Amino acid sequence: MSEYKFYGWQTADITTENGMTPRDYYDLLSDIWCADTCAPRLRNRWSHENKTLGQCSITAFLIQDVFGGKVYGILRPGGNYHCFNVVNDIVFDLTSEQFGDEVLDYTNCVEQLREVHFVKEEKRLRYEYLKAITDEAIAIKQIACPNE
């Protein structure tokens, strides 16, 4: 098994109907995250070397669509929340790498609701774009590798 850098990768063993895990989604999203899916306020700092920057809420809600569970947020300086997933008591954060060596506290966090996040139209549109290109990538993968 490869070693990942996102928080909770070791225990993120839940699977979809087609056998994909959060690690598989991380691999898939690593080729999809881009400046267009990054939060506008962080876009000028986004790079391929820091591909998870500004991707947290739209990614967490996408993963919630796939695996269920809840999205929680860590309050950050400046008043924004960094979003992550909790599914069946398994905590994982596909976009934690954006913080480098900073250790985040995943305890006592506030649940995040898409209805609140998606009041911002730009965020809803980024989520819809991420979802569409992710669905397309999965469909292509399933056609190319039907027995995986």
C-alpha atoms as a PDB file:
ATOM      1  CA  MET A   1       0.000   0.000   0.000  1.00  0.00           C
ATOM      2  CA  SER A   2       1.270   3.478  -0.863  1.00  0.00           C
ATOM      3  CA  GLU A   3       1.822   6.009   1.875  1.00  0.00           C
ATOM      4  CA  TYR A   4      -0.350   9.075   1.583  1.00  0.00           C
ATOM      5  CA  LYS A   5       0.097  12.424   3.273  1.00  0.00           C
ATOM      6  CA  PHE A   6      -3.514  13.373   3.982  1.00  0.00           C
ATOM      7  CA  TYR A   7      -4.824  13.124   7.534  1.00  0.00           C
ATOM      8  CA  GLY A   8      -6.504   9.801   8.317  1.00  0.00           C
ATOM      9  CA  TRP A   9      -5.286   7.950   5.217  1.00  0.00           C
ATOM     10  CA  GLN A  10      -4.289   4.892   7.266  1.00  0.00           C
ATOM     11  CA  THR A  11      -7.817   4.204   8.526  1.00  0.00           C
ATOM     12  CA  ALA A  12      -9.884   5.497   5.593  1.00  0.00           C
ATOM     13  CA  ASP A  13     -10.959   1.994   4.550  1.00  0.00           C
ATOM     14  CA  ILE A  14     -14.616   2.613   3.738  1.00  0.00           C
ATOM     15  CA  THR A  15     -15.604   1.675   0.190  1.00  0.00           C
ATOM     16  CA  THR A  16     -18.185   2.628  -2.393  1.00  0.00           C
ATOM     17  CA  GLU A  17     -20.270   0.105  -4.319  1.00  0.00           C
ATOM     18  CA  ASN A  18     -17.551   0.008  -6.979  1.00  0.00           C
ATOM     19  CA  GLY A  19     -14.833  -0.592  -4.357  1.00  0.00           C
ATOM     20  CA  MET A  20     -13.296   2.889  -4.253  1.00  0.00           C
ATOM     21  CA  THR A  21     -11.870   4.197  -0.965  1.00  0.00           C
ATOM     22  CA  PRO A  22     -11.050   7.763   0.092  1.00  0.00           C
ATOM     23  CA  ARG A  23      -7.463   7.002  -0.973  1.00  0.00           C
ATOM     24  CA  ASP A  24      -8.748   6.186  -4.475  1.00  0.00           C
ATOM     25  CA  TYR A  25     -10.646   9.469  -4.515  1.00  0.00           C
ATOM     26  CA  TYR A  26      -7.517  11.298  -3.393  1.00  0.00           C
ATOM     27  CA  ASP A  27      -5.607   9.737  -6.299  1.00  0.00           C
ATOM     28  CA  LEU A  28      -8.361  10.697  -8.721  1.00  0.00           C
ATOM     29  CA  LEU A  29      -8.752  14.233  -7.370  1.00  0.00           C
ATOM     30  CA  SER A  30      -4.987  14.793  -7.460  1.00  0.00           C
ATOM     31  CA  ASP A  31      -5.315  14.919 -11.237  1.00  0.00           C
ATOM     32  CA  ILE A  32      -8.436  17.109 -11.099  1.00  0.00           C
ATOM     33  CA  TRP A  33      -7.786  19.806  -8.472  1.00  0.00           C
ATOM     34  CA  CYS A  34      -6.744  22.980 -10.251  1.00  0.00           C
ATOM     35  CA  ALA A  35      -6.794  26.754  -9.937  1.00  0.00           C
ATOM     36  CA  ASP A  36     -10.395  26.755 -11.223  1.00  0.00           C
ATOM     37  CA  THR A  37     -11.527  24.564  -8.306  1.00  0.00           C
ATOM     38  CA  CYS A  38      -9.477  26.548  -5.743  1.00  0.00           C
ATOM     39  CA  ALA A  39     -11.170  29.145  -3.534  1.00  0.00           C
ATOM     40  CA  PRO A  40     -10.810  32.526  -5.290  1.00  0.00           C
ATOM     41  CA  ARG A  41      -9.116  34.174  -2.300  1.00  0.00           C
ATOM     42  CA  LEU A  42      -6.319  31.575  -2.480  1.00  0.00           C
ATOM     43  CA  ARG A  43      -6.101  31.106  -6.236  1.00  0.00           C
ATOM     44  CA  ASN A  44      -2.973  33.229  -6.679  1.00  0.00           C
ATOM     45  CA  ARG A  45      -1.120  30.843  -4.315  1.00  0.00           C
ATOM     46  CA  TRP A  46      -2.422  27.585  -5.830  1.00  0.00           C
ATOM     47  CA  SER A  47       0.167  25.374  -7.558  1.00  0.00           C
ATOM     48  CA  HIS A  48       0.635  21.758  -8.621  1.00  0.00           C
ATOM     49  CA  GLU A  49       2.969  21.399  -5.638  1.00  0.00           C
ATOM     50  CA  ASN A  50       0.158  22.528  -3.302  1.00  0.00           C
ATOM     51  CA  LYS A  51      -2.814  21.125  -5.217  1.00  0.00           C
ATOM     52  CA  THR A  52      -5.087  20.769  -2.144  1.00  0.00           C
ATOM     53  CA  LEU A  53      -4.911  24.501  -1.343  1.00  0.00           C
ATOM     54  CA  GLY A  54      -8.372  26.042  -1.302  1.00  0.00           C
ATOM     55  CA  GLN A  55     -10.134  22.773  -2.149  1.00  0.00           C
ATOM     56  CA  CYS A  56     -11.445  21.724   1.283  1.00  0.00           C
ATOM     57  CA  SER A  57     -15.161  22.491   1.390  1.00  0.00           C
ATOM     58  CA  ILE A  58     -16.030  21.437  -2.142  1.00  0.00           C
ATOM     59  CA  THR A  59     -13.968  18.270  -1.746  1.00  0.00           C
ATOM     60  CA  ALA A  60     -15.471  17.420   1.655  1.00  0.00           C
ATOM     61  CA  PHE A  61     -19.033  17.832   0.334  1.00  0.00           C
ATOM     62  CA  LEU A  62     -18.201  15.759  -2.746  1.00  0.00           C
ATOM     63  CA  ILE A  63     -16.836  12.994  -0.515  1.00  0.00           C
ATOM     64  CA  GLN A  64     -19.961  13.250   1.661  1.00  0.00           C
ATOM     65  CA  ASP A  65     -22.037  12.622  -1.492  1.00  0.00           C
ATOM     66  CA  VAL A  66     -20.059   9.438  -2.084  1.00  0.00           C
ATOM     67  CA  PHE A  67     -19.555   7.986   1.411  1.00  0.00           C
ATOM     68  CA  GLY A  68     -22.190   9.765   3.528  1.00  0.00           C
ATOM     69  CA  GLY A  69     -21.199  10.881   6.995  1.00  0.00           C
ATOM     70  CA  LYS A  70     -20.761  14.480   8.042  1.00  0.00           C
ATOM     71  CA  VAL A  71     -18.542  17.389   7.143  1.00  0.00           C
ATOM     72  CA  TYR A  72     -16.890  19.234  10.014  1.00  0.00           C
ATOM     73  CA  GLY A  73     -14.803  22.382  10.108  1.00  0.00           C
ATOM     74  CA  ILE A  74     -11.728  23.522  11.995  1.00  0.00           C
ATOM     75  CA  LEU A  75     -11.925  27.252  12.726  1.00  0.00           C
ATOM     76  CA  ARG A  76      -8.922  28.959  11.122  1.00  0.00           C
ATOM     77  CA  PRO A  77      -7.366  32.347  11.783  1.00  0.00           C
ATOM     78  CA  GLY A  78      -9.432  34.892   9.897  1.00  0.00           C
ATOM     79  CA  GLY A  79     -12.734  33.152  10.687  1.00  0.00           C
ATOM     80  CA  ASN A  80     -12.898  30.614   7.857  1.00  0.00           C
ATOM     81  CA  TYR A  81     -13.381  26.884   8.420  1.00  0.00           C
ATOM     82  CA  HIS A  82     -11.199  24.114   7.045  1.00  0.00           C
ATOM     83  CA  CYS A  83     -13.548  21.248   6.141  1.00  0.00           C
ATOM     84  CA  PHE A  84     -12.972  17.506   6.517  1.00  0.00           C
ATOM     85  CA  ASN A  85     -15.014  14.289   6.605  1.00  0.00           C
ATOM     86  CA  VAL A  86     -16.186  11.921   9.333  1.00  0.00           C
ATOM     87  CA  VAL A  87     -17.817   8.697   8.149  1.00  0.00           C
ATOM     88  CA  ASN A  88     -18.730   5.942  10.634  1.00  0.00           C
ATOM     89  CA  ASP A  89     -16.388   7.533  13.220  1.00  0.00           C
ATOM     90  CA  ILE A  90     -13.527   7.485  10.685  1.00  0.00           C
ATOM     91  CA  VAL A  91     -11.945  10.935  10.378  1.00  0.00           C
ATOM     92  CA  PHE A  92     -10.087  11.829   7.196  1.00  0.00           C
ATOM     93  CA  ASP A  93      -9.122  15.033   5.448  1.00  0.00           C
ATOM     94  CA  LEU A  94      -8.200  14.725   1.780  1.00  0.00           C
ATOM     95  CA  THR A  95      -7.003  18.346   1.661  1.00  0.00           C
ATOM     96  CA  SER A  96      -4.907  18.533   4.845  1.00  0.00           C
ATOM     97  CA  GLU A  97      -1.617  18.671   2.923  1.00  0.00           C
ATOM     98  CA  GLN A  98      -2.212  22.348   2.166  1.00  0.00           C
ATOM     99  CA  PHE A  99      -1.132  23.119   5.737  1.00  0.00           C
ATOM    100  CA  GLY A 100       2.296  21.516   5.403  1.00  0.00           C
ATOM    101  CA  ASP A 101       3.679  20.428   8.774  1.00  0.00           C
ATOM    102  CA  GLU A 102       1.009  22.243  10.801  1.00  0.00           C
ATOM    103  CA  VAL A 103      -0.858  19.831  13.077  1.00  0.00           C
ATOM    104  CA  LEU A 104      -4.608  20.415  12.929  1.00  0.00           C
ATOM    105  CA  ASP A 105      -6.964  19.602  15.804  1.00  0.00           C
ATOM    106  CA  TYR A 106      -9.806  17.431  14.507  1.00  0.00           C
ATOM    107  CA  THR A 107     -11.620  17.274  17.867  1.00  0.00           C
ATOM    108  CA  ASN A 108     -14.612  19.333  18.999  1.00  0.00           C
ATOM    109  CA  CYS A 109     -15.251  20.772  15.551  1.00  0.00           C
ATOM    110  CA  VAL A 110     -18.426  22.345  14.231  1.00  0.00           C
ATOM    111  CA  GLU A 111     -20.553  20.503  11.666  1.00  0.00           C
ATOM    112  CA  GLN A 112     -20.579  22.252   8.302  1.00  0.00           C
ATOM    113  CA  LEU A 113     -23.695  22.338   6.145  1.00  0.00           C
ATOM    114  CA  ARG A 114     -23.646  22.646   2.380  1.00  0.00           C
ATOM    115  CA  GLU A 115     -26.714  24.891   2.546  1.00  0.00           C
ATOM    116  CA  VAL A 116     -24.583  27.445   4.408  1.00  0.00           C
ATOM    117  CA  HIS A 117     -21.467  27.025   2.261  1.00  0.00           C
ATOM    118  CA  PHE A 118     -23.355  27.051  -1.016  1.00  0.00           C
ATOM    119  CA  VAL A 119     -25.031  30.371  -0.270  1.00  0.00           C
ATOM    120  CA  LYS A 120     -21.868  31.612  -1.977  1.00  0.00           C
ATOM    121  CA  GLU A 121     -22.674  30.961  -5.613  1.00  0.00           C
ATOM    122  CA  GLU A 122     -19.014  30.761  -6.620  1.00  0.00           C
ATOM    123  CA  LYS A 123     -18.478  27.928  -4.125  1.00  0.00           C
ATOM    124  CA  ARG A 124     -21.548  26.036  -5.319  1.00  0.00           C
ATOM    125  CA  LEU A 125     -20.389  26.411  -8.913  1.00  0.00           C
ATOM    126  CA  ARG A 126     -16.871  25.180  -8.041  1.00  0.00           C
ATOM    127  CA  TYR A 127     -18.430  22.179  -6.271  1.00  0.00           C
ATOM    128  CA  GLU A 128     -20.657  21.395  -9.272  1.00  0.00           C
ATOM    129  CA  TYR A 129     -17.640  21.639 -11.589  1.00  0.00           C
ATOM    130  CA  LEU A 130     -15.520  19.386  -9.344  1.00  0.00           C
ATOM    131  CA  LYS A 131     -18.366  16.869  -9.112  1.00  0.00           C
ATOM    132  CA  ALA A 132     -18.916  16.822 -12.864  1.00  0.00           C
ATOM    133  CA  ILE A 133     -15.271  16.269 -13.769  1.00  0.00           C
ATOM    134  CA  THR A 134     -14.880  13.676 -11.008  1.00  0.00           C
ATOM    135  CA  ASP A 135     -17.931  11.747 -12.246  1.00  0.00           C
ATOM    136  CA  GLU A 136     -16.540  11.923 -15.781  1.00  0.00           C
ATOM    137  CA  ALA A 137     -13.109  10.646 -14.647  1.00  0.00           C
ATOM    138  CA  ILE A 138     -14.714   7.732 -12.781  1.00  0.00           C
ATOM    139  CA  ALA A 139     -16.822   6.818 -15.823  1.00  0.00           C
ATOM    140  CA  ILE A 140     -13.726   6.860 -18.046  1.00  0.00           C
ATOM    141  CA  LYS A 141     -11.798   4.752 -15.526  1.00  0.00           C
ATOM    142  CA  GLN A 142     -14.628   2.211 -15.347  1.00  0.00           C
ATOM    143  CA  ILE A 143     -14.742   1.936 -19.145  1.00  0.00           C
ATOM    144  CA  ALA A 144     -10.954   1.579 -19.400  1.00  0.00           C
ATOM    145  CA  CYS A 145     -10.644  -0.811 -16.415  1.00  0.00           C
ATOM    146  CA  PRO A 146     -13.995  -2.604 -16.059  1.00  0.00           C
ATOM    147  CA  ASN A 147     -12.670  -5.317 -13.733  1.00  0.00           C
ATOM    148  CA  GLU A 148     -11.043  -3.010 -11.151  1.00  0.00           C
END
